[in-house]
Amino acid sequence: FFRKHPSMEFVPFFNTARSAKMVAESG
């Protein structure tokens, strides 16, 4: 999927759910 969206930067995080929580809290 991400090969089709090369402009997106990957940022490793603890796990997928905490990533979702962090994005929600970031606004």
PDB file of all heavy atoms in Angstrom:
ATOM      1  N   PHE A   1       0.831  -1.207   0.000  1.00  0.00           N
ATOM      2  CA  PHE A   1       0.000   0.000   0.000  1.00  0.00           C
ATOM      3  C   PHE A   1       0.862   1.252   0.000  1.00  0.00           C
ATOM      4  O   PHE A   1       0.596   2.203  -0.762  1.00  0.00           O
ATOM      5  CB  PHE A   1      -0.920  -0.007   1.222  1.00  0.00           C
ATOM      6  CG  PHE A   1      -1.682   1.272   1.426  1.00  0.00           C
ATOM      7  CD1 PHE A   1      -2.871   1.504   0.751  1.00  0.00           C
ATOM      8  CD2 PHE A   1      -1.211   2.256   2.295  1.00  0.00           C
ATOM      9  CE1 PHE A   1      -3.576   2.694   0.928  1.00  0.00           C
ATOM     10  CE2 PHE A   1      -1.909   3.439   2.479  1.00  0.00           C
ATOM     11  CZ  PHE A   1      -3.098   3.662   1.794  1.00  0.00           C
ATOM     12  N   PHE A   2       1.911   1.268   0.793  1.00  0.00           N
ATOM     13  CA  PHE A   2       2.710   2.486   0.932  1.00  0.00           C
ATOM     14  C   PHE A   2       3.639   2.723  -0.265  1.00  0.00           C
ATOM     15  O   PHE A   2       4.123   3.839  -0.449  1.00  0.00           O
ATOM     16  CB  PHE A   2       3.500   2.457   2.242  1.00  0.00           C
ATOM     17  CG  PHE A   2       2.622   2.690   3.439  1.00  0.00           C
ATOM     18  CD1 PHE A   2       2.247   1.638   4.259  1.00  0.00           C
ATOM     19  CD2 PHE A   2       2.117   3.946   3.721  1.00  0.00           C
ATOM     20  CE1 PHE A   2       1.416   1.839   5.341  1.00  0.00           C
ATOM     21  CE2 PHE A   2       1.281   4.166   4.802  1.00  0.00           C
ATOM     22  CZ  PHE A   2       0.917   3.111   5.612  1.00  0.00           C
ATOM     23  N   ARG A   3       3.869   1.693  -1.065  1.00  0.00           N
ATOM     24  CA  ARG A   3       4.623   1.925  -2.295  1.00  0.00           C
ATOM     25  C   ARG A   3       3.838   2.839  -3.242  1.00  0.00           C
ATOM     26  O   ARG A   3       4.418   3.558  -4.055  1.00  0.00           O
ATOM     27  CB  ARG A   3       4.933   0.593  -2.983  1.00  0.00           C
ATOM     28  CG  ARG A   3       6.168  -0.094  -2.426  1.00  0.00           C
ATOM     29  CD  ARG A   3       6.719  -1.125  -3.396  1.00  0.00           C
ATOM     30  NE  ARG A   3       5.831  -2.271  -3.544  1.00  0.00           N
ATOM     31  CZ  ARG A   3       5.921  -3.383  -2.821  1.00  0.00           C
ATOM     32  NH1 ARG A   3       6.886  -3.499  -1.904  1.00  0.00           N
ATOM     33  NH2 ARG A   3       5.085  -4.378  -3.011  1.00  0.00           N
ATOM     34  N   LYS A   4       2.517   2.832  -3.098  1.00  0.00           N
ATOM     35  CA  LYS A   4       1.674   3.707  -3.924  1.00  0.00           C
ATOM     36  C   LYS A   4       1.563   5.117  -3.342  1.00  0.00           C
ATOM     37  O   LYS A   4       0.986   6.005  -3.981  1.00  0.00           O
ATOM     38  CB  LYS A   4       0.272   3.097  -4.052  1.00  0.00           C
ATOM     39  CG  LYS A   4       0.260   1.707  -4.687  1.00  0.00           C
ATOM     40  CD  LYS A   4      -1.148   1.127  -4.672  1.00  0.00           C
ATOM     41  CE  LYS A   4      -1.180  -0.289  -5.227  1.00  0.00           C
ATOM     42  NZ  LYS A   4      -2.547  -0.891  -5.144  1.00  0.00           N
ATOM     43  N   HIS A   5       2.063   5.299  -2.109  1.00  0.00           N
ATOM     44  CA  HIS A   5       1.990   6.609  -1.444  1.00  0.00           C
ATOM     45  C   HIS A   5       3.366   6.969  -0.883  1.00  0.00           C
ATOM     46  O   HIS A   5       3.557   7.043   0.338  1.00  0.00           O
ATOM     47  CB  HIS A   5       0.944   6.565  -0.328  1.00  0.00           C
ATOM     48  CG  HIS A   5      -0.428   6.202  -0.807  1.00  0.00           C
ATOM     49  ND1 HIS A   5      -1.299   7.116  -1.357  1.00  0.00           N
ATOM     50  CD2 HIS A   5      -1.077   5.003  -0.846  1.00  0.00           C
ATOM     51  CE1 HIS A   5      -2.426   6.509  -1.693  1.00  0.00           C
ATOM     52  NE2 HIS A   5      -2.316   5.230  -1.396  1.00  0.00           N
ATOM     53  N   PRO A   6       4.330   7.217  -1.764  1.00  0.00           N
ATOM     54  CA  PRO A   6       5.723   7.442  -1.319  1.00  0.00           C
ATOM     55  C   PRO A   6       5.940   8.715  -0.517  1.00  0.00           C
ATOM     56  O   PRO A   6       6.964   8.853   0.157  1.00  0.00           O
ATOM     57  CB  PRO A   6       6.499   7.488  -2.643  1.00  0.00           C
ATOM     58  CG  PRO A   6       5.474   7.893  -3.667  1.00  0.00           C
ATOM     59  CD  PRO A   6       4.191   7.268  -3.224  1.00  0.00           C
ATOM     60  N   SER A   7       4.979   9.641  -0.553  1.00  0.00           N
ATOM     61  CA  SER A   7       5.164  10.901   0.184  1.00  0.00           C
ATOM     62  C   SER A   7       4.907  10.740   1.680  1.00  0.00           C
ATOM     63  O   SER A   7       5.255  11.616   2.478  1.00  0.00           O
ATOM     64  CB  SER A   7       4.237  11.977  -0.373  1.00  0.00           C
ATOM     65  OG  SER A   7       2.879  11.609  -0.204  1.00  0.00           O
ATOM     66  N   MET A   8       4.334   9.612   2.086  1.00  0.00           N
ATOM     67  CA  MET A   8       4.036   9.392   3.499  1.00  0.00           C
ATOM     68  C   MET A   8       5.290   8.900   4.226  1.00  0.00           C
ATOM     69  O   MET A   8       5.939   7.957   3.791  1.00  0.00           O
ATOM     70  CB  MET A   8       2.908   8.363   3.668  1.00  0.00           C
ATOM     71  CG  MET A   8       1.573   8.834   3.136  1.00  0.00           C
ATOM     72  SD  MET A   8       0.260   7.606   3.412  1.00  0.00           S
ATOM     73  CE  MET A   8      -1.133   8.404   2.582  1.00  0.00           C
ATOM     74  N   GLU A   9       5.609   9.562   5.322  1.00  0.00           N
ATOM     75  CA  GLU A   9       6.800   9.213   6.113  1.00  0.00           C
ATOM     76  C   GLU A   9       6.426   8.223   7.218  1.00  0.00           C
ATOM     77  O   GLU A   9       5.459   8.436   7.945  1.00  0.00           O
ATOM     78  CB  GLU A   9       7.396  10.474   6.742  1.00  0.00           C
ATOM     79  CG  GLU A   9       8.593  10.203   7.648  1.00  0.00           C
ATOM     80  CD  GLU A   9       9.041  11.432   8.403  1.00  0.00           C
ATOM     81  OE1 GLU A   9       8.541  12.550   8.097  1.00  0.00           O
ATOM     82  OE2 GLU A   9       9.879  11.291   9.324  1.00  0.00           O
ATOM     83  N   PHE A  10       7.205   7.143   7.346  1.00  0.00           N
ATOM     84  CA  PHE A  10       6.964   6.159   8.395  1.00  0.00           C
ATOM     85  C   PHE A  10       7.588   6.631   9.705  1.00  0.00           C
ATOM     86  O   PHE A  10       8.745   7.045   9.730  1.00  0.00           O
ATOM     87  CB  PHE A  10       7.572   4.806   8.024  1.00  0.00           C
ATOM     88  CG  PHE A  10       6.987   4.176   6.791  1.00  0.00           C
ATOM     89  CD1 PHE A  10       7.678   3.203   6.098  1.00  0.00           C
ATOM     90  CD2 PHE A  10       5.743   4.562   6.333  1.00  0.00           C
ATOM     91  CE1 PHE A  10       7.149   2.620   4.961  1.00  0.00           C
ATOM     92  CE2 PHE A  10       5.195   3.986   5.191  1.00  0.00           C
ATOM     93  CZ  PHE A  10       5.896   3.015   4.509  1.00  0.00           C
ATOM     94  N   VAL A  11       6.835   6.519  10.791  1.00  0.00           N
ATOM     95  CA  VAL A  11       7.358   6.842  12.126  1.00  0.00           C
ATOM     96  C   VAL A  11       7.094   5.637  13.034  1.00  0.00           C
ATOM     97  O   VAL A  11       5.944   5.398  13.433  1.00  0.00           O
ATOM     98  CB  VAL A  11       6.704   8.099  12.719  1.00  0.00           C
ATOM     99  CG1 VAL A  11       7.336   8.421  14.077  1.00  0.00           C
ATOM    100  CG2 VAL A  11       6.830   9.280  11.769  1.00  0.00           C
ATOM    101  N   PRO A  12       8.127   4.853  13.361  1.00  0.00           N
ATOM    102  CA  PRO A  12       7.913   3.680  14.236  1.00  0.00           C
ATOM    103  C   PRO A  12       7.399   4.102  15.608  1.00  0.00           C
ATOM    104  O   PRO A  12       7.874   5.084  16.187  1.00  0.00           O
ATOM    105  CB  PRO A  12       9.311   3.046  14.328  1.00  0.00           C
ATOM    106  CG  PRO A  12      10.051   3.567  13.143  1.00  0.00           C
ATOM    107  CD  PRO A  12       9.512   4.961  12.910  1.00  0.00           C
ATOM    108  N   PHE A  13       6.417   3.343  16.124  1.00  0.00           N
ATOM    109  CA  PHE A  13       5.832   3.640  17.428  1.00  0.00           C
ATOM    110  C   PHE A  13       5.633   2.331  18.182  1.00  0.00           C
ATOM    111  O   PHE A  13       5.872   1.248  17.653  1.00  0.00           O
ATOM    112  CB  PHE A  13       4.505   4.390  17.248  1.00  0.00           C
ATOM    113  CG  PHE A  13       4.159   5.321  18.370  1.00  0.00           C
ATOM    114  CD1 PHE A  13       4.953   6.422  18.649  1.00  0.00           C
ATOM    115  CD2 PHE A  13       3.043   5.112  19.149  1.00  0.00           C
ATOM    116  CE1 PHE A  13       4.644   7.290  19.679  1.00  0.00           C
ATOM    117  CE2 PHE A  13       2.706   5.975  20.177  1.00  0.00           C
ATOM    118  CZ  PHE A  13       3.520   7.062  20.451  1.00  0.00           C
ATOM    119  N   PHE A  14       5.198   2.420  19.450  1.00  0.00           N
ATOM    120  CA  PHE A  14       5.125   1.246  20.320  1.00  0.00           C
ATOM    121  C   PHE A  14       4.292   0.120  19.715  1.00  0.00           C
ATOM    122  O   PHE A  14       4.738  -0.998  19.596  1.00  0.00           O
ATOM    123  CB  PHE A  14       4.561   1.628  21.692  1.00  0.00           C
ATOM    124  CG  PHE A  14       5.482   2.496  22.488  1.00  0.00           C
ATOM    125  CD1 PHE A  14       5.262   3.861  22.591  1.00  0.00           C
ATOM    126  CD2 PHE A  14       6.567   1.946  23.129  1.00  0.00           C
ATOM    127  CE1 PHE A  14       6.125   4.663  23.326  1.00  0.00           C
ATOM    128  CE2 PHE A  14       7.435   2.742  23.879  1.00  0.00           C
ATOM    129  CZ  PHE A  14       7.208   4.107  23.970  1.00  0.00           C
ATOM    130  N   ASN A  15       3.054   0.412  19.364  1.00  0.00           N
ATOM    131  CA  ASN A  15       2.209  -0.581  18.707  1.00  0.00           C
ATOM    132  C   ASN A  15       1.098   0.145  17.967  1.00  0.00           C
ATOM    133  O   ASN A  15       0.984   1.373  18.017  1.00  0.00           O
ATOM    134  CB  ASN A  15       1.647  -1.619  19.700  1.00  0.00           C
ATOM    135  CG  ASN A  15       0.736  -1.005  20.737  1.00  0.00           C
ATOM    136  OD1 ASN A  15       0.134   0.047  20.536  1.00  0.00           O
ATOM    137  ND2 ASN A  15       0.618  -1.662  21.876  1.00  0.00           N
ATOM    138  N   THR A  16       0.274  -0.621  17.268  1.00  0.00           N
ATOM    139  CA  THR A  16      -0.727   0.001  16.407  1.00  0.00           C
ATOM    140  C   THR A  16      -1.789   0.767  17.203  1.00  0.00           C
ATOM    141  O   THR A  16      -2.178   1.876  16.820  1.00  0.00           O
ATOM    142  CB  THR A  16      -1.399  -1.068  15.529  1.00  0.00           C
ATOM    143  OG1 THR A  16      -1.898  -2.127  16.364  1.00  0.00           O
ATOM    144  CG2 THR A  16      -0.402  -1.658  14.540  1.00  0.00           C
ATOM    145  N   ALA A  17      -2.266   0.193  18.296  1.00  0.00           N
ATOM    146  CA  ALA A  17      -3.320   0.858  19.068  1.00  0.00           C
ATOM    147  C   ALA A  17      -2.809   2.145  19.720  1.00  0.00           C
ATOM    148  O   ALA A  17      -3.505   3.163  19.743  1.00  0.00           O
ATOM    149  CB  ALA A  17      -3.880  -0.083  20.130  1.00  0.00           C
ATOM    150  N   ARG A  18      -1.591   2.104  20.261  1.00  0.00           N
ATOM    151  CA  ARG A  18      -1.031   3.331  20.848  1.00  0.00           C
ATOM    152  C   ARG A  18      -0.784   4.377  19.770  1.00  0.00           C
ATOM    153  O   ARG A  18      -0.863   5.580  20.034  1.00  0.00           O
ATOM    154  CB  ARG A  18       0.260   3.015  21.596  1.00  0.00           C
ATOM    155  CG  ARG A  18       0.029   2.315  22.927  1.00  0.00           C
ATOM    156  CD  ARG A  18       1.283   2.264  23.767  1.00  0.00           C
ATOM    157  NE  ARG A  18       1.740   3.573  24.173  1.00  0.00           N
ATOM    158  CZ  ARG A  18       2.841   3.811  24.881  1.00  0.00           C
ATOM    159  NH1 ARG A  18       3.591   2.791  25.242  1.00  0.00           N
ATOM    160  NH2 ARG A  18       3.192   5.021  25.226  1.00  0.00           N
ATOM    161  N   SER A  19      -0.478   3.932  18.558  1.00  0.00           N
ATOM    162  CA  SER A  19      -0.325   4.875  17.440  1.00  0.00           C
ATOM    163  C   SER A  19      -1.656   5.578  17.184  1.00  0.00           C
ATOM    164  O   SER A  19      -1.701   6.808  16.994  1.00  0.00           O
ATOM    165  CB  SER A  19       0.125   4.126  16.185  1.00  0.00           C
ATOM    166  OG  SER A  19       1.365   3.495  16.380  1.00  0.00           O
ATOM    167  N   ALA A  20      -2.740   4.809  17.182  1.00  0.00           N
ATOM    168  CA  ALA A  20      -4.066   5.391  16.969  1.00  0.00           C
ATOM    169  C   ALA A  20      -4.414   6.377  18.084  1.00  0.00           C
ATOM    170  O   ALA A  20      -4.938   7.469  17.829  1.00  0.00           O
ATOM    171  CB  ALA A  20      -5.108   4.283  16.894  1.00  0.00           C
ATOM    172  N   LYS A  21      -4.120   6.001  19.301  1.00  0.00           N
ATOM    173  CA  LYS A  21      -4.393   6.873  20.455  1.00  0.00           C
ATOM    174  C   LYS A  21      -3.608   8.175  20.353  1.00  0.00           C
ATOM    175  O   LYS A  21      -4.135   9.266  20.601  1.00  0.00           O
ATOM    176  CB  LYS A  21      -4.037   6.135  21.739  1.00  0.00           C
ATOM    177  CG  LYS A  21      -4.376   6.877  23.034  1.00  0.00           C
ATOM    178  CD  LYS A  21      -4.116   5.954  24.230  1.00  0.00           C
ATOM    179  CE  LYS A  21      -4.555   6.599  25.537  1.00  0.00           C
ATOM    180  NZ  LYS A  21      -3.668   7.707  25.938  1.00  0.00           N
ATOM    181  N   MET A  22      -2.333   8.070  19.951  1.00  0.00           N
ATOM    182  CA  MET A  22      -1.497   9.260  19.832  1.00  0.00           C
ATOM    183  C   MET A  22      -2.007  10.190  18.739  1.00  0.00           C
ATOM    184  O   MET A  22      -2.061  11.416  18.916  1.00  0.00           O
ATOM    185  CB  MET A  22      -0.055   8.840  19.538  1.00  0.00           C
ATOM    186  CG  MET A  22       0.972   9.987  19.558  1.00  0.00           C
ATOM    187  SD  MET A  22       1.026  10.911  18.022  1.00  0.00           S
ATOM    188  CE  MET A  22       1.569   9.638  16.894  1.00  0.00           C
ATOM    189  N   VAL A  23      -2.401   9.629  17.588  1.00  0.00           N
ATOM    190  CA  VAL A  23      -2.932  10.441  16.493  1.00  0.00           C
ATOM    191  C   VAL A  23      -4.212  11.146  16.932  1.00  0.00           C
ATOM    192  O   VAL A  23      -4.413  12.338  16.665  1.00  0.00           O
ATOM    193  CB  VAL A  23      -3.180   9.563  15.245  1.00  0.00           C
ATOM    194  CG1 VAL A  23      -4.001  10.330  14.202  1.00  0.00           C
ATOM    195  CG2 VAL A  23      -1.858   9.116  14.641  1.00  0.00           C
ATOM    196  N   ALA A  24      -5.091  10.430  17.641  1.00  0.00           N
ATOM    197  CA  ALA A  24      -6.339  11.031  18.114  1.00  0.00           C
ATOM    198  C   ALA A  24      -6.071  12.201  19.056  1.00  0.00           C
ATOM    199  O   ALA A  24      -6.757  13.226  19.006  1.00  0.00           O
ATOM    200  CB  ALA A  24      -7.183   9.974  18.817  1.00  0.00           C
ATOM    201  N   GLU A  25      -5.060  12.041  19.931  1.00  0.00           N
ATOM    202  CA  GLU A  25      -4.747  13.089  20.898  1.00  0.00           C
ATOM    203  C   GLU A  25      -3.977  14.258  20.287  1.00  0.00           C
ATOM    204  O   GLU A  25      -3.947  15.352  20.857  1.00  0.00           O
ATOM    205  CB  GLU A  25      -3.946  12.490  22.054  1.00  0.00           C
ATOM    206  CG  GLU A  25      -4.757  11.502  22.906  1.00  0.00           C
ATOM    207  CD  GLU A  25      -3.915  10.775  23.930  1.00  0.00           C
ATOM    208  OE1 GLU A  25      -2.662  10.869  23.831  1.00  0.00           O
ATOM    209  OE2 GLU A  25      -4.486  10.117  24.822  1.00  0.00           O
ATOM    210  N   SER A  26      -3.359  14.037  19.126  1.00  0.00           N
ATOM    211  CA  SER A  26      -2.521  15.088  18.519  1.00  0.00           C
ATOM    212  C   SER A  26      -3.352  16.218  17.914  1.00  0.00           C
ATOM    213  O   SER A  26      -2.911  17.370  17.868  1.00  0.00           O
ATOM    214  CB  SER A  26      -1.623  14.481  17.431  1.00  0.00           C
ATOM    215  OG  SER A  26      -2.383  14.140  16.272  1.00  0.00           O
ATOM    216  N   GLY A  27      -4.574  15.895  17.407  1.00  0.00           N
ATOM    217  CA  GLY A  27      -5.386  16.907  16.739  1.00  0.00           C
ATOM    218  C   GLY A  27      -4.822  17.337  15.404  1.00  0.00           C
ATOM    219  O   GLY A  27      -5.258  18.352  14.836  1.00  0.00           O
TER     220      GLY A  27
END
